[in-house]
C-alpha cells in the first residue's frame, strides 16, 4: 500500500463528506476544517479511511494532525508498521 493510494482513499471520503468541495481545489496542505469539513465530517473521513485501509491509529496521534498531508503520512507510516507485524 503506497502513499498515493492512501491519499486517494482519504480524498474520496473527504469529497463524499463535504458538500460543494471541488476536487480541483483540494489542497492537501490545508486542514479538513479549512476545506469546509465540520468535526463530524472529519471523524467520518478518518474512520472510513482507517476502516477501508484496515489500520488503526490511536486518537492521541490523530489529535496532533494539522492537515491532510499529515493524516496521509500518519496512515502510511502505520500501514507499514502493521504490515511488518502481520
Protein backbone atom coordinates (compact mmCIF):
# COMPACT_ATOMS: atom_id res chain seq x y z
CA UNK A 1 0.00 0.00 0.00
CA UNK A 2 1.65 3.22 -1.10
CA UNK A 3 1.14 6.82 -0.01
CA UNK A 4 -0.66 7.78 -3.24
CA UNK A 5 -3.27 5.06 -2.68
CA UNK A 6 -3.86 6.25 0.90
CA UNK A 7 -4.20 9.84 -0.35
CA UNK A 8 -6.82 8.71 -2.89
CA UNK A 9 -8.82 6.92 -0.16
CA UNK A 10 -8.75 9.95 2.17
CA UNK A 11 -9.60 12.32 -0.71
CA UNK A 12 -12.55 10.19 -1.82
CA UNK A 13 -14.02 10.09 1.69
CA UNK A 14 -13.45 13.82 2.13
CA UNK A 15 -15.24 14.60 -1.14
CA UNK A 16 -18.13 12.37 -0.04
CA UNK A 17 -18.38 14.06 3.36
CA UNK A 18 -18.11 17.73 2.36
CA UNK A 19 -20.77 19.15 0.06
CA UNK A 20 -19.62 21.50 -2.69
CA UNK A 21 -15.94 20.65 -2.31
CA UNK A 22 -14.33 20.92 -5.73
CA UNK A 23 -11.74 18.16 -6.30
CA UNK A 24 -9.67 20.63 -8.36
CA UNK A 25 -9.38 22.94 -5.36
CA UNK A 26 -8.38 20.22 -2.91
CA UNK A 27 -5.13 21.34 -1.28
CA UNK A 28 -3.59 18.67 0.94
CA UNK A 29 -1.56 21.26 2.86
CA UNK A 30 -4.84 22.61 4.26
CA UNK A 31 -6.82 21.19 7.16
CA UNK A 32 -10.14 19.47 6.52
CA UNK A 33 -11.78 22.22 8.55
CA UNK A 34 -10.32 24.87 6.20
CA UNK A 35 -11.83 22.92 3.31
CA UNK A 36 -15.31 23.12 4.86
CA UNK A 37 -15.49 19.95 6.94
CA UNK A 38 -17.10 20.14 10.38
CA UNK A 39 -15.95 17.99 13.28
CA UNK A 40 -18.41 15.19 12.43
CA UNK A 41 -17.23 15.18 8.82
CA UNK A 42 -13.62 14.89 9.96
CA UNK A 43 -14.40 11.95 12.27
CA UNK A 44 -16.29 10.26 9.43
CA UNK A 45 -13.48 10.78 6.90
CA UNK A 46 -10.83 9.45 9.29
CA UNK A 47 -12.90 6.45 10.45
CA UNK A 48 -13.95 5.45 6.95
CA UNK A 49 -10.39 5.76 5.70
CA UNK A 50 -9.00 3.65 8.54
CA UNK A 51 -11.73 1.05 8.06
CA UNK A 52 -11.11 0.80 4.32
CA UNK A 53 -7.34 0.62 4.79
CA UNK A 54 -7.73 -1.84 7.70
CA UNK A 55 -5.50 0.18 10.03
CA UNK A 56 -6.00 1.63 13.48
CA UNK A 57 -4.43 4.82 14.78
CA UNK A 58 -4.68 5.99 18.40
CA UNK A 59 -6.76 9.14 18.87
CA UNK A 60 -3.82 10.82 20.59
CA UNK A 61 -1.87 10.53 17.32
CA UNK A 62 -4.78 11.89 15.28
CA UNK A 63 -5.23 14.89 17.58
CA UNK A 64 -1.79 16.21 16.63
CA UNK A 65 -2.50 16.43 12.91
CA UNK A 66 -2.91 19.81 11.25
CA UNK A 67 -3.56 18.99 7.59
CA UNK A 68 -4.47 16.28 5.10
CA UNK A 69 -0.83 15.54 4.26
CA UNK A 70 -0.20 14.85 7.94
CA UNK A 71 -3.10 12.40 8.06
CA UNK A 72 -1.95 10.62 4.92
CA UNK A 73 1.65 10.41 6.21
CA UNK A 74 0.46 9.01 9.55
CA UNK A 75 -1.81 6.42 7.90
CA UNK A 76 1.05 5.45 5.58
CA UNK A 77 3.52 5.01 8.46
CA UNK A 78 1.03 2.98 10.50
CA UNK A 79 0.23 0.79 7.50
CA UNK A 80 3.93 -0.01 7.05
CA UNK A 81 4.32 -0.91 10.74
CA UNK A 82 1.18 -3.06 10.76
CA UNK A 83 2.21 -4.82 7.52
CA UNK A 84 5.56 -5.77 9.08
CA UNK A 85 3.80 -7.08 12.20
CA UNK A 86 1.39 -9.23 10.19
